[in-house]
């Protein structure tokens, strides 16, 4: 499909932009966000992969887009009628984003952190797809690793517990 190729080309161009990607990030993400709502599962899956790649390229410049990214991922994860492959993709993007932001996730996602944690617990225990349960469990491991880093680092444990609300 031509649309899949266009998405791949956009990501390759983004990789060449280096630090200038933040100038075009909004437009790129909007294209891929709309792809997650496409009726074609291949386009949805490709769009999720592309969102993950753009997030990795943006690294800490992701903060202006974090609300939109979280909304797209949770719209997918909370829709049981979507194919398991799409849930898998959303979980991988979420895990990669959490891992890439490391301890910065509490600053960028603090009002989403409890929902992320609760959703990942629910999916790791009850999703009908084994692979989705594994991806959710991996994302939970990432969350635990980040919280551990914060507790062992400069962040006060009481503040971490308040933000995470396990």
N, C-alpha and C. Protein backbone atom coordinates (compact mmCIF):
# COMPACT_ATOMS: atom_id res chain seq x y z
N UNK A 1 0.84 -1.18 0.00
CA UNK A 1 0.00 0.00 0.00
C UNK A 1 0.89 1.25 0.00
N UNK A 2 0.52 2.20 -0.80
CA UNK A 2 1.27 3.44 -0.94
C UNK A 2 1.33 4.20 0.39
N UNK A 3 0.26 4.15 1.15
CA UNK A 3 0.22 4.88 2.42
C UNK A 3 1.27 4.36 3.40
N UNK A 4 1.53 3.05 3.38
CA UNK A 4 2.57 2.48 4.25
C UNK A 4 3.93 3.01 3.85
N UNK A 5 4.18 3.09 2.56
CA UNK A 5 5.47 3.60 2.05
C UNK A 5 5.65 5.07 2.42
N UNK A 6 4.58 5.86 2.32
CA UNK A 6 4.66 7.28 2.68
C UNK A 6 5.04 7.42 4.15
N UNK A 7 4.44 6.60 5.01
CA UNK A 7 4.78 6.64 6.43
C UNK A 7 6.24 6.32 6.67
N UNK A 8 6.75 5.30 5.98
CA UNK A 8 8.16 4.93 6.12
C UNK A 8 9.07 6.06 5.66
N UNK A 9 8.70 6.70 4.55
CA UNK A 9 9.51 7.82 4.03
C UNK A 9 9.50 8.98 5.02
N UNK A 10 8.34 9.28 5.59
CA UNK A 10 8.27 10.37 6.57
C UNK A 10 9.17 10.11 7.77
N UNK A 11 9.22 8.87 8.23
CA UNK A 11 10.09 8.54 9.36
C UNK A 11 11.56 8.67 8.95
N UNK A 12 11.91 8.22 7.76
CA UNK A 12 13.30 8.33 7.30
C UNK A 12 13.72 9.79 7.16
N UNK A 13 12.84 10.63 6.63
CA UNK A 13 13.13 12.06 6.53
C UNK A 13 13.29 12.63 7.93
N UNK A 14 12.45 12.21 8.86
CA UNK A 14 12.53 12.68 10.25
C UNK A 14 13.86 12.33 10.88
N UNK A 15 14.35 11.15 10.58
CA UNK A 15 15.64 10.73 11.13
C UNK A 15 16.77 11.64 10.64
N UNK A 16 16.65 12.12 9.43
CA UNK A 16 17.68 13.01 8.87
C UNK A 16 17.56 14.44 9.39
N UNK A 17 16.42 14.79 9.93
CA UNK A 17 16.24 16.14 10.46
C UNK A 17 17.03 16.38 11.74
N UNK A 18 17.38 15.31 12.43
CA UNK A 18 18.09 15.39 13.71
C UNK A 18 17.36 16.31 14.67
N UNK A 19 18.05 17.33 15.19
CA UNK A 19 17.44 18.19 16.21
C UNK A 19 16.33 19.08 15.66
N UNK A 20 16.20 19.18 14.33
CA UNK A 20 15.14 20.00 13.75
C UNK A 20 13.80 19.27 13.66
N UNK A 21 13.78 18.04 14.09
CA UNK A 21 12.53 17.28 14.04
C UNK A 21 11.43 17.94 14.86
N UNK A 22 11.81 18.62 15.94
CA UNK A 22 10.79 19.24 16.79
C UNK A 22 10.00 20.31 16.04
N UNK A 23 10.58 20.89 14.98
CA UNK A 23 9.88 21.89 14.18
C UNK A 23 8.69 21.26 13.45
N UNK A 24 8.86 20.01 13.00
CA UNK A 24 7.83 19.34 12.21
C UNK A 24 7.10 18.24 12.98
N UNK A 25 7.41 18.08 14.24
CA UNK A 25 6.87 16.96 15.02
C UNK A 25 5.34 16.99 15.09
N UNK A 26 4.75 18.14 15.31
CA UNK A 26 3.29 18.23 15.42
C UNK A 26 2.62 17.68 14.16
N UNK A 27 3.08 18.11 13.00
CA UNK A 27 2.49 17.67 11.74
C UNK A 27 2.69 16.17 11.53
N UNK A 28 3.90 15.70 11.82
CA UNK A 28 4.19 14.27 11.66
C UNK A 28 3.32 13.43 12.58
N UNK A 29 3.24 13.83 13.83
CA UNK A 29 2.44 13.06 14.79
C UNK A 29 0.96 13.08 14.41
N UNK A 30 0.46 14.21 13.94
CA UNK A 30 -0.95 14.29 13.54
C UNK A 30 -1.25 13.32 12.39
N UNK A 31 -0.31 13.19 11.46
CA UNK A 31 -0.48 12.24 10.37
C UNK A 31 -0.59 10.82 10.91
N UNK A 32 0.32 10.48 11.82
CA UNK A 32 0.33 9.12 12.36
C UNK A 32 -0.82 8.88 13.33
N UNK A 33 -1.24 9.92 14.07
CA UNK A 33 -2.41 9.78 14.93
C UNK A 33 -3.63 9.44 14.09
N UNK A 34 -3.79 10.12 12.96
CA UNK A 34 -4.95 9.82 12.11
C UNK A 34 -4.85 8.41 11.54
N UNK A 35 -3.63 7.94 11.32
CA UNK A 35 -3.45 6.58 10.84
C UNK A 35 -3.89 5.52 11.83
N UNK A 36 -3.85 5.86 13.12
CA UNK A 36 -4.29 4.89 14.14
C UNK A 36 -5.80 4.69 14.10
N UNK A 37 -6.51 5.59 13.44
CA UNK A 37 -7.97 5.48 13.33
C UNK A 37 -8.41 4.94 11.96
N UNK A 38 -7.45 4.59 11.12
CA UNK A 38 -7.74 4.06 9.79
C UNK A 38 -8.42 2.69 9.91
N UNK A 39 -9.34 2.37 9.03
CA UNK A 39 -9.98 1.05 9.10
C UNK A 39 -9.04 -0.11 8.77
N UNK A 40 -7.94 0.17 8.09
CA UNK A 40 -6.99 -0.87 7.72
C UNK A 40 -6.03 -1.16 8.89
N UNK A 41 -6.00 -2.40 9.35
CA UNK A 41 -5.17 -2.78 10.50
C UNK A 41 -3.69 -2.54 10.21
N UNK A 42 -3.26 -2.77 8.99
CA UNK A 42 -1.85 -2.55 8.62
C UNK A 42 -1.46 -1.08 8.78
N UNK A 43 -2.35 -0.19 8.39
CA UNK A 43 -2.09 1.25 8.52
C UNK A 43 -2.06 1.62 10.00
N UNK A 44 -2.98 1.08 10.79
CA UNK A 44 -2.99 1.35 12.23
C UNK A 44 -1.68 0.91 12.87
N UNK A 45 -1.27 -0.31 12.57
CA UNK A 45 -0.05 -0.86 13.16
C UNK A 45 1.18 -0.06 12.72
N UNK A 46 1.25 0.26 11.45
CA UNK A 46 2.37 1.04 10.93
C UNK A 46 2.41 2.43 11.58
N UNK A 47 1.25 3.03 11.75
CA UNK A 47 1.19 4.35 12.38
C UNK A 47 1.69 4.31 13.82
N UNK A 48 1.34 3.24 14.54
CA UNK A 48 1.83 3.10 15.92
C UNK A 48 3.35 2.96 15.94
N UNK A 49 3.90 2.17 15.04
CA UNK A 49 5.35 2.02 14.96
C UNK A 49 5.99 3.38 14.67
N UNK A 50 5.39 4.11 13.74
CA UNK A 50 5.93 5.42 13.37
C UNK A 50 5.85 6.42 14.53
N UNK A 51 4.76 6.37 15.30
CA UNK A 51 4.65 7.23 16.48
C UNK A 51 5.79 6.91 17.45
N UNK A 52 6.03 5.62 17.66
CA UNK A 52 7.12 5.22 18.55
C UNK A 52 8.46 5.71 18.07
N UNK A 53 8.70 5.64 16.76
CA UNK A 53 9.97 6.10 16.22
C UNK A 53 10.12 7.62 16.35
N UNK A 54 9.04 8.35 16.10
CA UNK A 54 9.09 9.81 16.26
C UNK A 54 9.33 10.16 17.73
N UNK A 55 8.68 9.46 18.64
CA UNK A 55 8.91 9.69 20.08
C UNK A 55 10.37 9.48 20.43
N UNK A 56 10.97 8.42 19.92
CA UNK A 56 12.39 8.16 20.19
C UNK A 56 13.27 9.26 19.62
N UNK A 57 12.93 9.75 18.44
CA UNK A 57 13.72 10.82 17.84
C UNK A 57 13.57 12.12 18.62
N UNK A 58 12.37 12.37 19.15
CA UNK A 58 12.13 13.60 19.91
C UNK A 58 12.80 13.58 21.28
N UNK A 59 12.93 12.38 21.86
CA UNK A 59 13.50 12.21 23.18
C UNK A 59 12.84 13.18 24.17
N UNK A 60 13.57 14.09 24.77
CA UNK A 60 12.97 14.97 25.77
C UNK A 60 12.18 16.12 25.17
N UNK A 61 12.22 16.31 23.86
CA UNK A 61 11.41 17.33 23.21
C UNK A 61 9.98 16.84 22.99
N UNK A 62 9.65 15.72 23.60
CA UNK A 62 8.33 15.11 23.44
C UNK A 62 7.25 15.82 24.27
N UNK A 63 7.66 16.61 25.26
CA UNK A 63 6.69 17.16 26.22
C UNK A 63 5.51 17.91 25.61
N UNK A 64 5.66 18.66 24.51
CA UNK A 64 4.45 19.33 23.99
C UNK A 64 3.42 18.37 23.42
N UNK A 65 3.83 17.13 23.16
CA UNK A 65 2.96 16.17 22.48
C UNK A 65 2.50 15.04 23.38
N UNK A 66 2.94 15.03 24.62
CA UNK A 66 2.70 13.88 25.49
C UNK A 66 1.21 13.65 25.74
N UNK A 67 0.45 14.71 25.88
CA UNK A 67 -1.00 14.57 26.11
C UNK A 67 -1.66 13.85 24.94
N UNK A 68 -1.31 14.26 23.73
CA UNK A 68 -1.90 13.65 22.54
C UNK A 68 -1.46 12.20 22.40
N UNK A 69 -0.20 11.93 22.68
CA UNK A 69 0.31 10.56 22.57
C UNK A 69 -0.40 9.65 23.55
N UNK A 70 -0.51 10.09 24.80
CA UNK A 70 -1.18 9.28 25.82
C UNK A 70 -2.64 9.06 25.45
N UNK A 71 -3.30 10.10 24.94
CA UNK A 71 -4.71 9.95 24.55
C UNK A 71 -4.87 8.92 23.44
N UNK A 72 -4.03 8.99 22.42
CA UNK A 72 -4.12 8.03 21.31
C UNK A 72 -3.89 6.61 21.82
N UNK A 73 -2.86 6.43 22.65
CA UNK A 73 -2.55 5.09 23.14
C UNK A 73 -3.68 4.54 24.01
N UNK A 74 -4.25 5.38 24.88
CA UNK A 74 -5.33 4.89 25.74
C UNK A 74 -6.64 4.71 25.00
N UNK A 75 -6.88 5.49 23.95
CA UNK A 75 -8.06 5.24 23.11
C UNK A 75 -7.97 3.84 22.52
N UNK A 76 -6.77 3.43 22.17
CA UNK A 76 -6.56 2.09 21.61
C UNK A 76 -6.67 1.03 22.71
N UNK A 77 -5.94 1.22 23.80
CA UNK A 77 -5.90 0.20 24.85
C UNK A 77 -7.24 -0.01 25.53
N UNK A 78 -8.09 1.00 25.54
CA UNK A 78 -9.38 0.88 26.20
C UNK A 78 -10.49 0.49 25.23
N UNK A 79 -10.13 0.12 24.02
CA UNK A 79 -11.12 -0.31 23.03
C UNK A 79 -10.93 -1.81 22.77
N UNK A 80 -11.71 -2.66 23.44
CA UNK A 80 -11.53 -4.10 23.30
C UNK A 80 -11.90 -4.64 21.92
N UNK A 81 -12.59 -3.86 21.10
CA UNK A 81 -12.98 -4.36 19.79
C UNK A 81 -11.85 -4.28 18.76
N UNK A 82 -10.77 -3.58 19.10
CA UNK A 82 -9.64 -3.50 18.17
C UNK A 82 -8.86 -4.81 18.17
N UNK A 83 -8.22 -5.12 17.05
CA UNK A 83 -7.43 -6.37 16.97
C UNK A 83 -6.27 -6.37 17.98
N UNK A 84 -5.90 -7.56 18.41
CA UNK A 84 -4.80 -7.69 19.37
C UNK A 84 -3.51 -7.07 18.86
N UNK A 85 -3.27 -7.14 17.56
CA UNK A 85 -2.04 -6.57 17.00
C UNK A 85 -1.94 -5.08 17.27
N UNK A 86 -3.07 -4.40 17.26
CA UNK A 86 -3.08 -2.96 17.52
C UNK A 86 -2.83 -2.70 19.00
N UNK A 87 -3.42 -3.51 19.87
CA UNK A 87 -3.13 -3.39 21.30
C UNK A 87 -1.66 -3.63 21.57
N UNK A 88 -1.10 -4.64 20.91
CA UNK A 88 0.33 -4.95 21.08
C UNK A 88 1.18 -3.74 20.69
N UNK A 89 0.85 -3.15 19.55
CA UNK A 89 1.61 -1.98 19.09
C UNK A 89 1.53 -0.83 20.06
N UNK A 90 0.34 -0.57 20.58
CA UNK A 90 0.17 0.53 21.54
C UNK A 90 0.97 0.27 22.82
N UNK A 91 0.98 -0.98 23.26
CA UNK A 91 1.74 -1.32 24.47
C UNK A 91 3.24 -1.18 24.24
N UNK A 92 3.70 -1.55 23.07
CA UNK A 92 5.13 -1.40 22.76
C UNK A 92 5.52 0.08 22.71
N UNK A 93 4.68 0.89 22.06
CA UNK A 93 4.96 2.34 22.00
C UNK A 93 4.97 2.93 23.41
N UNK A 94 4.01 2.54 24.24
CA UNK A 94 3.95 3.04 25.61
C UNK A 94 5.20 2.62 26.38
N UNK A 95 5.59 1.37 26.27
CA UNK A 95 6.79 0.88 26.96
C UNK A 95 8.03 1.62 26.48
N UNK A 96 8.18 1.77 25.17
CA UNK A 96 9.34 2.48 24.63
C UNK A 96 9.37 3.93 25.09
N UNK A 97 8.21 4.56 25.13
CA UNK A 97 8.14 5.96 25.56
C UNK A 97 8.50 6.08 27.04
N UNK A 98 7.96 5.19 27.86
CA UNK A 98 8.29 5.19 29.29
C UNK A 98 9.78 4.96 29.49
N UNK A 99 10.34 4.01 28.76
CA UNK A 99 11.75 3.69 28.88
C UNK A 99 12.62 4.85 28.40
N UNK A 100 12.23 5.46 27.28
CA UNK A 100 13.02 6.56 26.73
C UNK A 100 13.03 7.79 27.61
N UNK A 101 11.92 8.05 28.26
CA UNK A 101 11.85 9.22 29.14
C UNK A 101 12.45 8.95 30.51
N UNK A 102 12.56 7.69 30.87
CA UNK A 102 13.12 7.26 32.15
C UNK A 102 12.50 8.07 33.29
N UNK A 103 13.32 8.66 34.14
CA UNK A 103 12.79 9.35 35.32
C UNK A 103 12.03 10.63 34.97
N UNK A 104 12.16 11.10 33.74
CA UNK A 104 11.42 12.28 33.32
C UNK A 104 9.93 12.03 33.16
N UNK A 105 9.53 10.75 33.17
CA UNK A 105 8.11 10.47 32.95
C UNK A 105 7.24 11.01 34.07
N UNK A 106 7.76 11.05 35.28
CA UNK A 106 6.92 11.56 36.37
C UNK A 106 6.66 13.05 36.21
N UNK A 107 7.62 13.76 35.65
CA UNK A 107 7.39 15.19 35.41
C UNK A 107 6.46 15.41 34.23
N UNK A 108 6.64 14.62 33.17
CA UNK A 108 5.84 14.82 31.97
C UNK A 108 4.47 14.18 32.04
N UNK A 109 4.36 13.08 32.77
CA UNK A 109 3.12 12.31 32.76
C UNK A 109 2.53 12.15 34.15
N UNK A 110 2.84 13.03 35.06
CA UNK A 110 2.45 12.80 36.45
C UNK A 110 0.95 12.63 36.64
N UNK A 111 0.13 13.35 35.90
CA UNK A 111 -1.32 13.18 36.08
C UNK A 111 -1.87 11.99 35.30
N UNK A 112 -1.03 11.32 34.53
CA UNK A 112 -1.43 10.09 33.83
C UNK A 112 -0.82 8.85 34.46
N UNK A 113 0.11 9.06 35.37
CA UNK A 113 0.91 7.94 35.84
C UNK A 113 0.08 6.86 36.54
N UNK A 114 -0.85 7.26 37.37
CA UNK A 114 -1.71 6.27 38.04
C UNK A 114 -2.55 5.50 37.04
N UNK A 115 -3.11 6.19 36.06
CA UNK A 115 -3.92 5.53 35.04
C UNK A 115 -3.06 4.56 34.23
N UNK A 116 -1.86 4.98 33.89
CA UNK A 116 -0.95 4.10 33.15
C UNK A 116 -0.67 2.85 33.97
N UNK A 117 -0.33 3.04 35.22
CA UNK A 117 -0.02 1.92 36.10
C UNK A 117 -1.22 0.98 36.25
N UNK A 118 -2.40 1.53 36.51
CA UNK A 118 -3.61 0.71 36.67
C UNK A 118 -3.96 -0.04 35.39
N UNK A 119 -3.87 0.64 34.26
CA UNK A 119 -4.19 0.01 32.98
C UNK A 119 -3.21 -1.11 32.68
N UNK A 120 -1.92 -0.87 32.91
CA UNK A 120 -0.93 -1.91 32.65
C UNK A 120 -1.14 -3.12 33.55
N UNK A 121 -1.48 -2.88 34.82
CA UNK A 121 -1.78 -4.01 35.73
C UNK A 121 -2.98 -4.81 35.21
N UNK A 122 -4.03 -4.10 34.84
CA UNK A 122 -5.24 -4.77 34.35
C UNK A 122 -4.93 -5.58 33.08
N UNK A 123 -4.22 -4.97 32.15
CA UNK A 123 -3.92 -5.67 30.90
C UNK A 123 -2.97 -6.84 31.11
N UNK A 124 -2.01 -6.69 32.03
CA UNK A 124 -1.06 -7.79 32.26
C UNK A 124 -1.73 -8.99 32.92
N UNK A 125 -2.84 -8.75 33.60
CA UNK A 125 -3.55 -9.84 34.28
C UNK A 125 -4.72 -10.40 33.48
N UNK A 126 -5.36 -9.56 32.67
CA UNK A 126 -6.63 -10.03 32.10
C UNK A 126 -6.81 -9.87 30.60
N UNK A 127 -5.83 -9.37 29.88
CA UNK A 127 -6.01 -9.25 28.43
C UNK A 127 -6.12 -10.65 27.83
N UNK A 128 -7.02 -10.85 26.88
CA UNK A 128 -7.20 -12.19 26.31
C UNK A 128 -6.01 -12.68 25.47
N UNK A 129 -5.14 -11.78 25.07
CA UNK A 129 -4.00 -12.15 24.23
C UNK A 129 -2.74 -12.30 25.07
N UNK A 130 -2.07 -13.45 24.95
CA UNK A 130 -0.85 -13.71 25.72
C UNK A 130 0.24 -12.68 25.44
N UNK A 131 0.41 -12.31 24.18
CA UNK A 131 1.46 -11.37 23.81
C UNK A 131 1.18 -9.99 24.42
N UNK A 132 -0.07 -9.58 24.43
CA UNK A 132 -0.43 -8.30 25.05
C UNK A 132 -0.13 -8.33 26.55
N UNK A 133 -0.43 -9.46 27.19
CA UNK A 133 -0.12 -9.57 28.62
C UNK A 133 1.38 -9.44 28.86
N UNK A 134 2.19 -10.03 27.99
CA UNK A 134 3.66 -9.93 28.12
C UNK A 134 4.10 -8.49 27.91
N UNK A 135 3.58 -7.83 26.87
CA UNK A 135 3.95 -6.43 26.63
C UNK A 135 3.54 -5.53 27.79
N UNK A 136 2.37 -5.75 28.35
CA UNK A 136 1.91 -4.96 29.50
C UNK A 136 2.81 -5.23 30.70
N UNK A 137 3.20 -6.47 30.89
CA UNK A 137 4.10 -6.82 31.99
C UNK A 137 5.47 -6.17 31.80
N UNK A 138 5.96 -6.15 30.57
CA UNK A 138 7.24 -5.48 30.28
C UNK A 138 7.16 -3.98 30.58
N UNK A 139 6.04 -3.37 30.22
CA UNK A 139 5.86 -1.95 30.51
C UNK A 139 5.80 -1.71 32.01
N UNK A 140 5.15 -2.62 32.75
CA UNK A 140 5.13 -2.50 34.22
C UNK A 140 6.53 -2.61 34.80
N UNK A 141 7.35 -3.49 34.22
CA UNK A 141 8.75 -3.60 34.66
C UNK A 141 9.49 -2.29 34.43
N UNK A 142 9.20 -1.64 33.30
CA UNK A 142 9.81 -0.34 33.01
C UNK A 142 9.38 0.69 34.05
N UNK A 143 8.09 0.71 34.37
CA UNK A 143 7.58 1.63 35.40
C UNK A 143 8.28 1.36 36.73
N UNK A 144 8.39 0.09 37.11
CA UNK A 144 9.06 -0.26 38.38
C UNK A 144 10.51 0.18 38.39
N UNK A 145 11.18 0.00 37.26
CA UNK A 145 12.58 0.41 37.15
C UNK A 145 12.74 1.91 37.31
N UNK A 146 11.84 2.66 36.70
CA UNK A 146 11.89 4.12 36.81
C UNK A 146 11.64 4.56 38.25
N UNK A 147 10.64 3.97 38.87
CA UNK A 147 10.33 4.33 40.26
C UNK A 147 11.51 3.98 41.17
N UNK A 148 12.12 2.83 40.93
CA UNK A 148 13.30 2.43 41.70
C UNK A 148 14.42 3.44 41.56
N UNK A 149 14.67 3.91 40.32
CA UNK A 149 15.71 4.92 40.08
C UNK A 149 15.41 6.20 40.85
N UNK A 150 14.13 6.58 40.87
CA UNK A 150 13.74 7.81 41.57
C UNK A 150 13.93 7.67 43.08
N UNK A 151 13.55 6.52 43.61
CA UNK A 151 13.67 6.30 45.06
C UNK A 151 15.14 6.27 45.46
N UNK A 152 15.97 5.66 44.64
CA UNK A 152 17.39 5.56 44.96
C UNK A 152 18.14 6.84 44.64
N UNK A 153 17.53 7.73 43.83
CA UNK A 153 18.20 8.96 43.42
C UNK A 153 17.86 10.11 44.33
N UNK A 154 17.83 11.30 43.74
CA UNK A 154 17.62 12.53 44.49
C UNK A 154 16.16 12.78 44.86
N UNK A 155 15.25 12.18 44.14
CA UNK A 155 13.82 12.40 44.40
C UNK A 155 13.43 11.84 45.76
N UNK A 156 12.61 12.56 46.48
CA UNK A 156 12.17 12.10 47.79
C UNK A 156 11.14 10.97 47.60
N UNK A 157 11.31 9.84 48.32
CA UNK A 157 10.40 8.71 48.17
C UNK A 157 8.94 9.08 48.40
N UNK A 158 8.64 9.98 49.35
CA UNK A 158 7.24 10.34 49.62
C UNK A 158 6.61 10.96 48.38
N UNK A 159 7.36 11.77 47.67
CA UNK A 159 6.85 12.40 46.45
C UNK A 159 6.61 11.35 45.37
N UNK A 160 7.48 10.38 45.26
CA UNK A 160 7.32 9.31 44.28
C UNK A 160 6.06 8.53 44.58
N UNK A 161 5.86 8.15 45.84
CA UNK A 161 4.68 7.38 46.23
C UNK A 161 3.42 8.19 45.96
N UNK A 162 3.46 9.51 46.23
CA UNK A 162 2.31 10.35 46.00
C UNK A 162 1.96 10.37 44.50
N UNK A 163 2.96 10.44 43.63
CA UNK A 163 2.72 10.48 42.20
C UNK A 163 2.26 9.15 41.64
N UNK A 164 2.86 8.08 42.11
CA UNK A 164 2.57 6.75 41.56
C UNK A 164 1.27 6.19 42.10
N UNK A 165 1.00 6.35 43.39
CA UNK A 165 -0.22 5.87 44.04
C UNK A 165 -0.45 4.38 43.75
N UNK A 166 0.51 3.55 44.08
CA UNK A 166 0.36 2.11 43.84
C UNK A 166 -0.72 1.54 44.70
